[in-house]
Each structure stands twice: as C-alpha cells, then as structure tokens.
Amino acid sequence: MPHDSETSARERRRYQRYAVRCKCWLEGDHATLGASTADIGLGGLFLRTAIPVEHGTIVDVALDLADGQAPVIADGVVTRAVGRREHGRLGVGVEFVRIRDGRETLINFLGAQA
C-alpha cells in the first residue's frame, strides 16, 4: 500500500511516469550527481541515490535515454527528497521546469514505453 505522501504526489502529477532505468546526471551549485533513474515522465523523474539533495535545489539535468543518442537536457528543481528514515525509495524527485534539448526524443522514448 502506498504511503500517504506518495499517493498525494502521484495525484499532483500532470504526466504519467514509466519505470525506466537510464543514466542521469544532476548538476547544481554545489555538486554533480550521477545515478540511475527509477522512473521518468515528460514532467520529471525520480533518481535513485543515497546522496542527499535538498528540496528546492535548482539543477541542470542530463538524461541518457539510449546509447548513441544525444542526452535530453533540462532545467529542473528537486521537489522530493527521500532519505534513509523515510518510507519508500532513497532518492530525489526532480520536476522539469524546461526541457532545453531533446523534448521530441523524450516524447518518442516514453511513447515506446507505454
């Protein structure tokens, strides 16, 4: 059964998420973080990581969907930070504020996941 905050987060999403593992990098003012995604949607992603990133942190996102394709590049904001003491997966939820490059690539990739 989903945790209450997980359920409300899903209800607030405007875009469907797909359980897909891809390489992803987040770059903020203080660090660069590389990890695998747990899920991806047109509006954002969840990145599996035990490294803490504060809620509200502005990040540059580089998302590798497939070998040989240019990465999807987006501006994002951390909207969820799940730590060790919380129920659920460790990681960070990132909302895309603007997809700068690769929007059509992402749309096509997600369409193939459906």
PDB file of N, CA and C in Angstrom:
ATOM      1  N   MET A   1       0.848  -1.194   0.000  1.00  0.00           N
ATOM      2  CA  MET A   1       0.000   0.000   0.000  1.00  0.00           C
ATOM      3  C   MET A   1       0.881   1.241   0.000  1.00  0.00           C
ATOM      4  N   PRO A   2       0.601   2.221  -0.865  1.00  0.00           N
ATOM      5  CA  PRO A   2       1.447   3.413  -0.946  1.00  0.00           C
ATOM      6  C   PRO A   2       1.346   4.271   0.303  1.00  0.00           C
ATOM      7  N   HIS A   3       2.419   4.896   0.622  1.00  0.00           N
ATOM      8  CA  HIS A   3       2.482   5.856   1.716  1.00  0.00           C
ATOM      9  C   HIS A   3       1.641   7.072   1.332  1.00  0.00           C
ATOM     10  N   ASP A   4       1.012   7.748   2.311  1.00  0.00           N
ATOM     11  CA  ASP A   4       0.132   8.880   2.020  1.00  0.00           C
ATOM     12  C   ASP A   4       0.795   9.964   1.183  1.00  0.00           C
ATOM     13  N   SER A   5       2.051  10.306   1.494  1.00  0.00           N
ATOM     14  CA  SER A   5       2.725  11.352   0.720  1.00  0.00           C
ATOM     15  C   SER A   5       3.010  10.886  -0.702  1.00  0.00           C
ATOM     16  N   GLU A   6       3.229   9.561  -0.885  1.00  0.00           N
ATOM     17  CA  GLU A   6       3.435   9.025  -2.234  1.00  0.00           C
ATOM     18  C   GLU A   6       2.152   9.142  -3.044  1.00  0.00           C
ATOM     19  N   THR A   7       1.025   8.799  -2.409  1.00  0.00           N
ATOM     20  CA  THR A   7      -0.261   8.866  -3.091  1.00  0.00           C
ATOM     21  C   THR A   7      -0.570  10.295  -3.510  1.00  0.00           C
ATOM     22  N   SER A   8      -0.386  11.257  -2.612  1.00  0.00           N
ATOM     23  CA  SER A   8      -0.690  12.642  -2.958  1.00  0.00           C
ATOM     24  C   SER A   8       0.255  13.164  -4.023  1.00  0.00           C
ATOM     25  N   ALA A   9       1.518  12.716  -4.026  1.00  0.00           N
ATOM     26  CA  ALA A   9       2.463  13.134  -5.071  1.00  0.00           C
ATOM     27  C   ALA A   9       1.994  12.617  -6.424  1.00  0.00           C
ATOM     28  N   ARG A  10       1.518  11.378  -6.476  1.00  0.00           N
ATOM     29  CA  ARG A  10       1.029  10.818  -7.738  1.00  0.00           C
ATOM     30  C   ARG A  10      -0.193  11.581  -8.234  1.00  0.00           C
ATOM     31  N   GLU A  11      -1.077  11.968  -7.304  1.00  0.00           N
ATOM     32  CA  GLU A  11      -2.287  12.686  -7.686  1.00  0.00           C
ATOM     33  C   GLU A  11      -1.964  14.067  -8.247  1.00  0.00           C
ATOM     34  N   ARG A  12      -0.853  14.677  -7.807  1.00  0.00           N
ATOM     35  CA  ARG A  12      -0.472  16.009  -8.270  1.00  0.00           C
ATOM     36  C   ARG A  12       0.220  15.981  -9.626  1.00  0.00           C
ATOM     37  N   ARG A  13       0.720  14.822 -10.054  1.00  0.00           N
ATOM     38  CA  ARG A  13       1.456  14.743 -11.315  1.00  0.00           C
ATOM     39  C   ARG A  13       0.549  15.004 -12.499  1.00  0.00           C
ATOM     40  N   ARG A  14       1.076  15.772 -13.450  1.00  0.00           N
ATOM     41  CA  ARG A  14       0.331  16.046 -14.679  1.00  0.00           C
ATOM     42  C   ARG A  14       0.664  15.032 -15.758  1.00  0.00           C
ATOM     43  N   TYR A  15       1.797  14.349 -15.621  1.00  0.00           N
ATOM     44  CA  TYR A  15       2.269  13.424 -16.648  1.00  0.00           C
ATOM     45  C   TYR A  15       2.471  12.035 -16.067  1.00  0.00           C
ATOM     46  N   GLN A  16       2.161  11.027 -16.858  1.00  0.00           N
ATOM     47  CA  GLN A  16       2.377   9.656 -16.441  1.00  0.00           C
ATOM     48  C   GLN A  16       3.867   9.379 -16.321  1.00  0.00           C
ATOM     49  N   ARG A  17       4.255   8.556 -15.349  1.00  0.00           N
ATOM     50  CA  ARG A  17       5.639   8.142 -15.180  1.00  0.00           C
ATOM     51  C   ARG A  17       5.772   6.684 -15.595  1.00  0.00           C
ATOM     52  N   TYR A  18       6.947   6.358 -16.130  1.00  0.00           N
ATOM     53  CA  TYR A  18       7.244   4.997 -16.570  1.00  0.00           C
ATOM     54  C   TYR A  18       8.460   4.496 -15.811  1.00  0.00           C
ATOM     55  N   ALA A  19       8.397   3.250 -15.330  1.00  0.00           N
ATOM     56  CA  ALA A  19       9.514   2.634 -14.598  1.00  0.00           C
ATOM     57  C   ALA A  19      10.603   2.288 -15.597  1.00  0.00           C
ATOM     58  N   VAL A  20      11.579   3.173 -15.726  1.00  0.00           N
ATOM     59  CA  VAL A  20      12.664   3.015 -16.694  1.00  0.00           C
ATOM     60  C   VAL A  20      13.983   3.377 -16.016  1.00  0.00           C
ATOM     61  N   ARG A  21      14.996   2.545 -16.235  1.00  0.00           N
ATOM     62  CA  ARG A  21      16.336   2.841 -15.714  1.00  0.00           C
ATOM     63  C   ARG A  21      17.181   3.432 -16.832  1.00  0.00           C
ATOM     64  N   CYS A  22      17.620   4.650 -16.612  1.00  0.00           N
ATOM     65  CA  CYS A  22      18.512   5.339 -17.543  1.00  0.00           C
ATOM     66  C   CYS A  22      19.572   6.073 -16.726  1.00  0.00           C
ATOM     67  N   LYS A  23      20.695   6.333 -17.350  1.00  0.00           N
ATOM     68  CA  LYS A  23      21.726   7.130 -16.692  1.00  0.00           C
ATOM     69  C   LYS A  23      21.289   8.586 -16.671  1.00  0.00           C
ATOM     70  N   CYS A  24      21.536   9.231 -15.552  1.00  0.00           N
ATOM     71  CA  CYS A  24      21.132  10.624 -15.402  1.00  0.00           C
ATOM     72  C   CYS A  24      22.150  11.355 -14.540  1.00  0.00           C
ATOM     73  N   TRP A  25      22.378  12.610 -14.880  1.00  0.00           N
ATOM     74  CA  TRP A  25      23.264  13.475 -14.104  1.00  0.00           C
ATOM     75  C   TRP A  25      22.498  14.718 -13.701  1.00  0.00           C
ATOM     76  N   LEU A  26      22.672  15.100 -12.450  1.00  0.00           N
ATOM     77  CA  LEU A  26      22.139  16.363 -11.945  1.00  0.00           C
ATOM     78  C   LEU A  26      23.326  17.225 -11.562  1.00  0.00           C
ATOM     79  N   GLU A  27      23.281  18.473 -11.980  1.00  0.00           N
ATOM     80  CA  GLU A  27      24.341  19.398 -11.606  1.00  0.00           C
ATOM     81  C   GLU A  27      23.717  20.615 -10.953  1.00  0.00           C
ATOM     82  N   GLY A  28      24.151  20.894  -9.740  1.00  0.00           N
ATOM     83  CA  GLY A  28      23.680  22.060  -9.005  1.00  0.00           C
ATOM     84  C   GLY A  28      24.841  22.966  -8.673  1.00  0.00           C
ATOM     85  N   ASP A  29      24.594  23.963  -7.857  1.00  0.00           N
ATOM     86  CA  ASP A  29      25.643  24.910  -7.476  1.00  0.00           C
ATOM     87  C   ASP A  29      26.770  24.251  -6.693  1.00  0.00           C
ATOM     88  N   HIS A  30      26.448  23.195  -5.932  1.00  0.00           N
ATOM     89  CA  HIS A  30      27.433  22.637  -5.010  1.00  0.00           C
ATOM     90  C   HIS A  30      27.937  21.251  -5.377  1.00  0.00           C
ATOM     91  N   ALA A  31      27.317  20.584  -6.362  1.00  0.00           N
ATOM     92  CA  ALA A  31      27.751  19.216  -6.669  1.00  0.00           C
ATOM     93  C   ALA A  31      27.171  18.737  -7.995  1.00  0.00           C
ATOM     94  N   THR A  32      27.805  17.682  -8.512  1.00  0.00           N
ATOM     95  CA  THR A  32      27.285  16.952  -9.660  1.00  0.00           C
ATOM     96  C   THR A  32      27.044  15.529  -9.199  1.00  0.00           C
ATOM     97  N   LEU A  33      25.897  14.982  -9.560  1.00  0.00           N
ATOM     98  CA  LEU A  33      25.494  13.670  -9.101  1.00  0.00           C
ATOM     99  C   LEU A  33      25.082  12.825 -10.296  1.00  0.00           C
ATOM    100  N   GLY A  34      25.608  11.623 -10.399  1.00  0.00           N
ATOM    101  CA  GLY A  34      25.224  10.692 -11.449  1.00  0.00           C
ATOM    102  C   GLY A  34      24.620   9.448 -10.828  1.00  0.00           C
ATOM    103  N   ALA A  35      23.496   8.983 -11.365  1.00  0.00           N
ATOM    104  CA  ALA A  35      22.824   7.798 -10.834  1.00  0.00           C
ATOM    105  C   ALA A  35      21.842   7.280 -11.885  1.00  0.00           C
ATOM    106  N   SER A  36      21.113   6.230 -11.534  1.00  0.00           N
ATOM    107  CA  SER A  36      20.094   5.671 -12.431  1.00  0.00           C
ATOM    108  C   SER A  36      18.714   6.154 -12.033  1.00  0.00           C
ATOM    109  N   THR A  37      17.875   6.355 -13.028  1.00  0.00           N
ATOM    110  CA  THR A  37      16.501   6.739 -12.757  1.00  0.00           C
ATOM    111  C   THR A  37      15.700   5.522 -12.288  1.00  0.00           C
ATOM    112  N   ALA A  38      14.667   5.782 -11.525  1.00  0.00           N
ATOM    113  CA  ALA A  38      13.698   4.751 -11.152  1.00  0.00           C
ATOM    114  C   ALA A  38      12.472   4.879 -12.040  1.00  0.00           C
ATOM    115  N   ASP A  39      12.127   6.123 -12.353  1.00  0.00           N
ATOM    116  CA  ASP A  39      11.026   6.375 -13.281  1.00  0.00           C
ATOM    117  C   ASP A  39      11.215   7.723 -13.956  1.00  0.00           C
ATOM    118  N   ILE A  40      10.557   7.841 -15.126  1.00  0.00           N
ATOM    119  CA  ILE A  40      10.684   9.052 -15.947  1.00  0.00           C
ATOM    120  C   ILE A  40       9.316   9.377 -16.526  1.00  0.00           C
ATOM    121  N   GLY A  41       9.027  10.658 -16.639  1.00  0.00           N
ATOM    122  CA  GLY A  41       7.836  11.144 -17.316  1.00  0.00           C
ATOM    123  C   GLY A  41       8.184  12.430 -18.037  1.00  0.00           C
ATOM    124  N   LEU A  42       7.261  12.950 -18.781  1.00  0.00           N
ATOM    125  CA  LEU A  42       7.506  14.186 -19.505  1.00  0.00           C
ATOM    126  C   LEU A  42       7.684  15.368 -18.548  1.00  0.00           C
ATOM    127  N   GLY A  43       7.176  15.232 -17.336  1.00  0.00           N
ATOM    128  CA  GLY A  43       7.277  16.317 -16.369  1.00  0.00           C
ATOM    129  C   GLY A  43       8.407  16.189 -15.371  1.00  0.00           C
ATOM    130  N   GLY A  44       9.124  15.043 -15.379  1.00  0.00           N
ATOM    131  CA  GLY A  44      10.205  14.891 -14.416  1.00  0.00           C
ATOM    132  C   GLY A  44      10.653  13.456 -14.263  1.00  0.00           C
ATOM    133  N   LEU A  45      11.402  13.209 -13.186  1.00  0.00           N
ATOM    134  CA  LEU A  45      11.948  11.872 -12.956  1.00  0.00           C
ATOM    135  C   LEU A  45      12.230  11.666 -11.478  1.00  0.00           C
ATOM    136  N   PHE A  46      12.464  10.400 -11.124  1.00  0.00           N
ATOM    137  CA  PHE A  46      12.927  10.054  -9.785  1.00  0.00           C
ATOM    138  C   PHE A  46      14.268   9.389  -9.954  1.00  0.00           C
ATOM    139  N   LEU A  47      15.272   9.898  -9.261  1.00  0.00           N
ATOM    140  CA  LEU A  47      16.641   9.408  -9.364  1.00  0.00           C
ATOM    141  C   LEU A  47      16.985   8.648  -8.090  1.00  0.00           C
ATOM    142  N   ARG A  48      17.443   7.407  -8.236  1.00  0.00           N
ATOM    143  CA  ARG A  48      17.835   6.598  -7.073  1.00  0.00           C
ATOM    144  C   ARG A  48      19.214   7.040  -6.598  1.00  0.00           C
ATOM    145  N   THR A  49      19.274   7.546  -5.378  1.00  0.00           N
ATOM    146  CA  THR A  49      20.549   7.957  -4.796  1.00  0.00           C
ATOM    147  C   THR A  49      20.411   8.084  -3.288  1.00  0.00           C
ATOM    148  N   ALA A  50      21.468   7.741  -2.582  1.00  0.00           N
ATOM    149  CA  ALA A  50      21.514   7.932  -1.139  1.00  0.00           C
ATOM    150  C   ALA A  50      22.181   9.262  -0.792  1.00  0.00           C
ATOM    151  N   ILE A  51      22.661   9.964  -1.806  1.00  0.00           N
ATOM    152  CA  ILE A  51      23.301  11.264  -1.585  1.00  0.00           C
ATOM    153  C   ILE A  51      22.201  12.314  -1.428  1.00  0.00           C
ATOM    154  N   PRO A  52      22.191  13.027  -0.320  1.00  0.00           N
ATOM    155  CA  PRO A  52      21.111  13.988  -0.086  1.00  0.00           C
ATOM    156  C   PRO A  52      21.180  15.206  -1.002  1.00  0.00           C
ATOM    157  N   VAL A  53      20.030  15.586  -1.517  1.00  0.00           N
ATOM    158  CA  VAL A  53      19.876  16.819  -2.292  1.00  0.00           C
ATOM    159  C   VAL A  53      18.643  17.513  -1.713  1.00  0.00           C
ATOM    160  N   GLU A  54      18.810  18.742  -1.308  1.00  0.00           N
ATOM    161  CA  GLU A  54      17.725  19.454  -0.629  1.00  0.00           C
ATOM    162  C   GLU A  54      16.557  19.770  -1.548  1.00  0.00           C
ATOM    163  N   HIS A  55      15.365  19.675  -0.985  1.00  0.00           N
ATOM    164  CA  HIS A  55      14.144  20.081  -1.664  1.00  0.00           C
ATOM    165  C   HIS A  55      14.293  21.542  -2.093  1.00  0.00           C
ATOM    166  N   GLY A  56      13.918  21.840  -3.332  1.00  0.00           N
ATOM    167  CA  GLY A  56      14.006  23.204  -3.835  1.00  0.00           C
ATOM    168  C   GLY A  56      15.299  23.520  -4.572  1.00  0.00           C
ATOM    169  N   THR A  57      16.260  22.581  -4.562  1.00  0.00           N
ATOM    170  CA  THR A  57      17.524  22.805  -5.249  1.00  0.00           C
ATOM    171  C   THR A  57      17.297  22.882  -6.766  1.00  0.00           C
ATOM    172  N   ILE A  58      17.839  23.909  -7.394  1.00  0.00           N
ATOM    173  CA  ILE A  58      17.770  24.064  -8.848  1.00  0.00           C
ATOM    174  C   ILE A  58      18.890  23.233  -9.460  1.00  0.00           C
ATOM    175  N   VAL A  59      18.561  22.413 -10.462  1.00  0.00           N
ATOM    176  CA  VAL A  59      19.562  21.537 -11.070  1.00  0.00           C
ATOM    177  C   VAL A  59      19.470  21.564 -12.591  1.00  0.00           C
ATOM    178  N   ASP A  60      20.617  21.311 -13.226  1.00  0.00           N
ATOM    179  CA  ASP A  60      20.660  21.020 -14.653  1.00  0.00           C
ATOM    180  C   ASP A  60      20.577  19.506 -14.760  1.00  0.00           C
ATOM    181  N   VAL A  61      19.774  19.011 -15.685  1.00  0.00           N
ATOM    182  CA  VAL A  61      19.557  17.575 -15.852  1.00  0.00           C
ATOM    183  C   VAL A  61      20.088  17.149 -17.217  1.00  0.00           C
ATOM    184  N   ALA A  62      20.856  16.050 -17.232  1.00  0.00           N
ATOM    185  CA  ALA A  62      21.279  15.405 -18.471  1.00  0.00           C
ATOM    186  C   ALA A  62      20.841  13.948 -18.368  1.00  0.00           C
ATOM    187  N   LEU A  63      19.978  13.536 -19.270  1.00  0.00           N
ATOM    188  CA  LEU A  63      19.352  12.219 -19.214  1.00  0.00           C
ATOM    189  C   LEU A  63      19.701  11.433 -20.462  1.00  0.00           C
ATOM    190  N   ASP A  64      20.419  10.312 -20.294  1.00  0.00           N
ATOM    191  CA  ASP A  64      20.773   9.439 -21.416  1.00  0.00           C
ATOM    192  C   ASP A  64      19.692   8.379 -21.575  1.00  0.00           C
ATOM    193  N   LEU A  65      18.915   8.475 -22.646  1.00  0.00           N
ATOM    194  CA  LEU A  65      17.833   7.522 -22.874  1.00  0.00           C
ATOM    195  C   LEU A  65      18.308   6.282 -23.610  1.00  0.00           C
ATOM    196  N   ALA A  66      19.251   6.438 -24.528  1.00  0.00           N
ATOM    197  CA  ALA A  66      19.736   5.306 -25.315  1.00  0.00           C
ATOM    198  C   ALA A  66      21.145   5.600 -25.802  1.00  0.00           C
ATOM    199  N   ASP A  67      21.916   4.535 -25.967  1.00  0.00           N
ATOM    200  CA  ASP A  67      23.273   4.697 -26.494  1.00  0.00           C
ATOM    201  C   ASP A  67      23.229   5.315 -27.883  1.00  0.00           C
ATOM    202  N   GLY A  68      24.138   6.238 -28.130  1.00  0.00           N
ATOM    203  CA  GLY A  68      24.240   6.848 -29.440  1.00  0.00           C
ATOM    204  C   GLY A  68      23.341   8.048 -29.651  1.00  0.00           C
ATOM    205  N   GLN A  69      22.398   8.305 -28.752  1.00  0.00           N
ATOM    206  CA  GLN A  69      21.530   9.474 -28.881  1.00  0.00           C
ATOM    207  C   GLN A  69      22.052  10.589 -27.988  1.00  0.00           C
ATOM    208  N   ALA A  70      21.849  11.801 -28.425  1.00  0.00           N
ATOM    209  CA  ALA A  70      22.205  12.948 -27.592  1.00  0.00           C
ATOM    210  C   ALA A  70      21.330  12.928 -26.340  1.00  0.00           C
ATOM    211  N   PRO A  71      21.864  13.324 -25.196  1.00  0.00           N
ATOM    212  CA  PRO A  71      21.066  13.317 -23.965  1.00  0.00           C
ATOM    213  C   PRO A  71      19.970  14.382 -24.004  1.00  0.00           C
ATOM    214  N   VAL A  72      18.923  14.119 -23.237  1.00  0.00           N
ATOM    215  CA  VAL A  72      17.882  15.114 -23.005  1.00  0.00           C
ATOM    216  C   VAL A  72      18.449  16.072 -21.963  1.00  0.00           C
ATOM    217  N   ILE A  73      18.378  17.365 -22.249  1.00  0.00           N
ATOM    218  CA  ILE A  73      18.911  18.386 -21.344  1.00  0.00           C
ATOM    219  C   ILE A  73      17.744  19.236 -20.839  1.00  0.00           C
ATOM    220  N   ALA A  74      17.670  19.381 -19.514  1.00  0.00           N
ATOM    221  CA  ALA A  74      16.550  20.129 -18.932  1.00  0.00           C
ATOM    222  C   ALA A  74      17.005  20.937 -17.726  1.00  0.00           C
ATOM    223  N   ASP A  75      16.233  21.966 -17.418  1.00  0.00           N
ATOM    224  CA  ASP A  75      16.360  22.689 -16.163  1.00  0.00           C
ATOM    225  C   ASP A  75      15.353  22.043 -15.226  1.00  0.00           C
ATOM    226  N   GLY A  76      15.764  21.800 -13.993  1.00  0.00           N
ATOM    227  CA  GLY A  76      14.855  21.140 -13.062  1.00  0.00           C
ATOM    228  C   GLY A  76      14.952  21.699 -11.661  1.00  0.00           C
ATOM    229  N   VAL A  77      14.024  21.239 -10.826  1.00  0.00           N
ATOM    230  CA  VAL A  77      14.023  21.591  -9.415  1.00  0.00           C
ATOM    231  C   VAL A  77      13.689  20.329  -8.628  1.00  0.00           C
ATOM    232  N   VAL A  78      14.420  20.119  -7.530  1.00  0.00           N
ATOM    233  CA  VAL A  78      14.163  18.968  -6.674  1.00  0.00           C
ATOM    234  C   VAL A  78      12.868  19.245  -5.908  1.00  0.00           C
ATOM    235  N   THR A  79      11.884  18.382  -6.132  1.00  0.00           N
ATOM    236  CA  THR A  79      10.580  18.556  -5.489  1.00  0.00           C
ATOM    237  C   THR A  79      10.331  17.518  -4.399  1.00  0.00           C
ATOM    238  N   ARG A  80      11.217  16.522  -4.330  1.00  0.00           N
ATOM    239  CA  ARG A  80      11.068  15.481  -3.323  1.00  0.00           C
ATOM    240  C   ARG A  80      12.438  14.924  -2.998  1.00  0.00           C
ATOM    241  N   ALA A  81      12.742  14.824  -1.727  1.00  0.00           N
ATOM    242  CA  ALA A  81      13.993  14.229  -1.272  1.00  0.00           C
ATOM    243  C   ALA A  81      13.647  13.134  -0.270  1.00  0.00           C
ATOM    244  N   VAL A  82      13.967  11.893  -0.604  1.00  0.00           N
ATOM    245  CA  VAL A  82      13.627  10.756   0.249  1.00  0.00           C
ATOM    246  C   VAL A  82      14.906  10.245   0.895  1.00  0.00           C
ATOM    247  N   GLY A  83      14.993  10.386   2.211  1.00  0.00           N
ATOM    248  CA  GLY A  83      16.169   9.955   2.952  1.00  0.00           C
ATOM    249  C   GLY A  83      15.994   8.602   3.599  1.00  0.00           C
ATOM    250  N   ARG A  84      16.997   8.172   4.315  1.00  0.00           N
ATOM    251  CA  ARG A  84      17.023   6.850   4.938  1.00  0.00           C
ATOM    252  C   ARG A  84      15.910   6.631   5.955  1.00  0.00           C
ATOM    253  N   ARG A  85      15.488   7.627   6.637  1.00  0.00           N
ATOM    254  CA  ARG A  85      14.495   7.452   7.704  1.00  0.00           C
ATOM    255  C   ARG A  85      13.062   7.491   7.198  1.00  0.00           C
ATOM    256  N   GLU A  86      12.880   7.846   5.959  1.00  0.00           N
ATOM    257  CA  GLU A  86      11.533   7.929   5.395  1.00  0.00           C
ATOM    258  C   GLU A  86      11.138   6.612   4.746  1.00  0.00           C
ATOM    259  N   HIS A  87       9.850   6.412   4.650  1.00  0.00           N
ATOM    260  CA  HIS A  87       9.305   5.233   3.989  1.00  0.00           C
ATOM    261  C   HIS A  87       9.449   5.394   2.476  1.00  0.00           C
ATOM    262  N   GLY A  88       9.897   4.387   1.786  1.00  0.00           N
ATOM    263  CA  GLY A  88       9.981   4.457   0.329  1.00  0.00           C
ATOM    264  C   GLY A  88      11.395   4.331  -0.180  1.00  0.00           C
ATOM    265  N   ARG A  89      11.575   4.647  -1.463  1.00  0.00           N
ATOM    266  CA  ARG A  89      12.874   4.531  -2.119  1.00  0.00           C
ATOM    267  C   ARG A  89      13.768   5.709  -1.750  1.00  0.00           C
ATOM    268  N   LEU A  90      15.045   5.437  -1.627  1.00  0.00           N
ATOM    269  CA  LEU A  90      16.008   6.525  -1.427  1.00  0.00           C
ATOM    270  C   LEU A  90      16.172   7.259  -2.743  1.00  0.00           C
ATOM    271  N   GLY A  91      16.202   8.569  -2.706  1.00  0.00           N
ATOM    272  CA  GLY A  91      16.446   9.306  -3.929  1.00  0.00           C
ATOM    273  C   GLY A  91      15.839  10.689  -3.924  1.00  0.00           C
ATOM    274  N   VAL A  92      15.778  11.256  -5.136  1.00  0.00           N
ATOM    275  CA  VAL A  92      15.223  12.596  -5.304  1.00  0.00           C
ATOM    276  C   VAL A  92      14.264  12.625  -6.489  1.00  0.00           C
ATOM    277  N   GLY A  93      13.186  13.340  -6.315  1.00  0.00           N
ATOM    278  CA  GLY A  93      12.257  13.603  -7.400  1.00  0.00           C
ATOM    279  C   GLY A  93      12.591  14.957  -7.992  1.00  0.00           C
ATOM    280  N   VAL A  94      12.671  15.016  -9.310  1.00  0.00           N
ATOM    281  CA  VAL A  94      13.021  16.259 -10.000  1.00  0.00           C
ATOM    282  C   VAL A  94      11.905  16.600 -10.979  1.00  0.00           C
ATOM    283  N   GLU A  95      11.400  17.806 -10.883  1.00  0.00           N
ATOM    284  CA  GLU A  95      10.415  18.303 -11.846  1.00  0.00           C
ATOM    285  C   GLU A  95      11.156  19.083 -12.924  1.00  0.00           C
ATOM    286  N   PHE A  96      10.816  18.791 -14.178  1.00  0.00           N
ATOM    287  CA  PHE A  96      11.403  19.559 -15.274  1.00  0.00           C
ATOM    288  C   PHE A  96      10.705  20.910 -15.330  1.00  0.00           C
ATOM    289  N   VAL A  97      11.482  21.969 -15.233  1.00  0.00           N
ATOM    290  CA  VAL A  97      10.965  23.324 -15.379  1.00  0.00           C
ATOM    291  C   VAL A  97      10.931  23.687 -16.864  1.00  0.00           C
ATOM    292  N   ARG A  98      11.985  23.239 -17.581  1.00  0.00           N
ATOM    293  CA  ARG A  98      12.082  23.495 -19.015  1.00  0.00           C
ATOM    294  C   ARG A  98      12.973  22.426 -19.629  1.00  0.00           C
ATOM    295  N   ILE A  99      12.510  21.798 -20.694  1.00  0.00           N
ATOM    296  CA  ILE A  99      13.349  20.867 -21.442  1.00  0.00           C
ATOM    297  C   ILE A  99      14.020  21.678 -22.532  1.00  0.00           C
ATOM    298  N   ARG A 100      15.330  21.848 -22.414  1.00  0.00           N
ATOM    299  CA  ARG A 100      16.075  22.698 -23.342  1.00  0.00           C
ATOM    300  C   ARG A 100      16.399  21.990 -24.650  1.00  0.00           C
ATOM    301  N   ASP A 101      16.687  20.700 -24.576  1.00  0.00           N
ATOM    302  CA  ASP A 101      17.084  19.956 -25.768  1.00  0.00           C
ATOM    303  C   ASP A 101      16.613  18.512 -25.626  1.00  0.00           C
ATOM    304  N   GLY A 102      16.009  17.980 -26.684  1.00  0.00           N
ATOM    305  CA  GLY A 102      15.618  16.580 -26.694  1.00  0.00           C
ATOM    306  C   GLY A 102      14.174  16.294 -26.310  1.00  0.00           C
ATOM    307  N   ARG A 103      13.313  17.312 -26.317  1.00  0.00           N
ATOM    308  CA  ARG A 103      11.918  17.097 -25.932  1.00  0.00           C
ATOM    309  C   ARG A 103      11.252  16.031 -26.815  1.00  0.00           C
ATOM    310  N   GLU A 104      11.427  16.127 -28.137  1.00  0.00           N
ATOM    311  CA  GLU A 104      10.823  15.140 -29.046  1.00  0.00           C
ATOM    312  C   GLU A 104      11.401  13.755 -28.814  1.00  0.00           C
ATOM    313  N   THR A 105      12.686  13.674 -28.542  1.00  0.00           N
ATOM    314  CA  THR A 105      13.327  12.396 -28.232  1.00  0.00           C
ATOM    315  C   THR A 105      12.692  11.778 -26.997  1.00  0.00           C
ATOM    316  N   LEU A 106      12.464  12.585 -25.972  1.00  0.00           N
ATOM    317  CA  LEU A 106      11.841  12.102 -24.743  1.00  0.00           C
ATOM    318  C   LEU A 106      10.409  11.650 -24.994  1.00  0.00           C
ATOM    319  N   ILE A 107       9.646  12.429 -25.754  1.00  0.00           N
ATOM    320  CA  ILE A 107       8.261  12.051 -26.072  1.00  0.00           C
ATOM    321  C   ILE A 107       8.230  10.704 -26.804  1.00  0.00           C
ATOM    322  N   ASN A 108       9.093  10.533 -27.791  1.00  0.00           N
ATOM    323  CA  ASN A 108       9.140   9.283 -28.550  1.00  0.00           C
ATOM    324  C   ASN A 108       9.569   8.114 -27.658  1.00  0.00           C
ATOM    325  N   PHE A 109      10.554   8.340 -26.809  1.00  0.00           N
ATOM    326  CA  PHE A 109      11.036   7.308 -25.886  1.00  0.00           C
ATOM    327  C   PHE A 109       9.913   6.865 -24.941  1.00  0.00           C
ATOM    328  N   LEU A 110       9.213   7.817 -24.368  1.00  0.00           N
ATOM    329  CA  LEU A 110       8.140   7.487 -23.431  1.00  0.00           C
ATOM    330  C   LEU A 110       6.973   6.790 -24.143  1.00  0.00           C
ATOM    331  N   GLY A 111       6.697   7.197 -25.380  1.00  0.00           N
ATOM    332  CA  GLY A 111       5.649   6.541 -26.167  1.00  0.00           C
ATOM    333  C   GLY A 111       5.957   5.075 -26.390  1.00  0.00           C
ATOM    334  N   ALA A 112       7.221   4.735 -26.535  1.00  0.00           N
ATOM    335  CA  ALA A 112       7.629   3.338 -26.735  1.00  0.00           C
ATOM    336  C   ALA A 112       7.512   2.536 -25.454  1.00  0.00           C
ATOM    337  N   GLN A 113       7.453   3.203 -24.299  1.00  0.00           N
ATOM    338  CA  GLN A 113       7.344   2.512 -23.010  1.00  0.00           C
ATOM    339  C   GLN A 113       5.915   2.132 -22.675  1.00  0.00           C
ATOM    340  N   ALA A 114       4.967   2.797 -23.312  1.00  0.00           N
ATOM    341  CA  ALA A 114       3.545   2.583 -22.977  1.00  0.00           C
ATOM    342  C   ALA A 114       3.051   1.222 -23.411  1.00  0.00           C
TER     343      ALA A 114
END
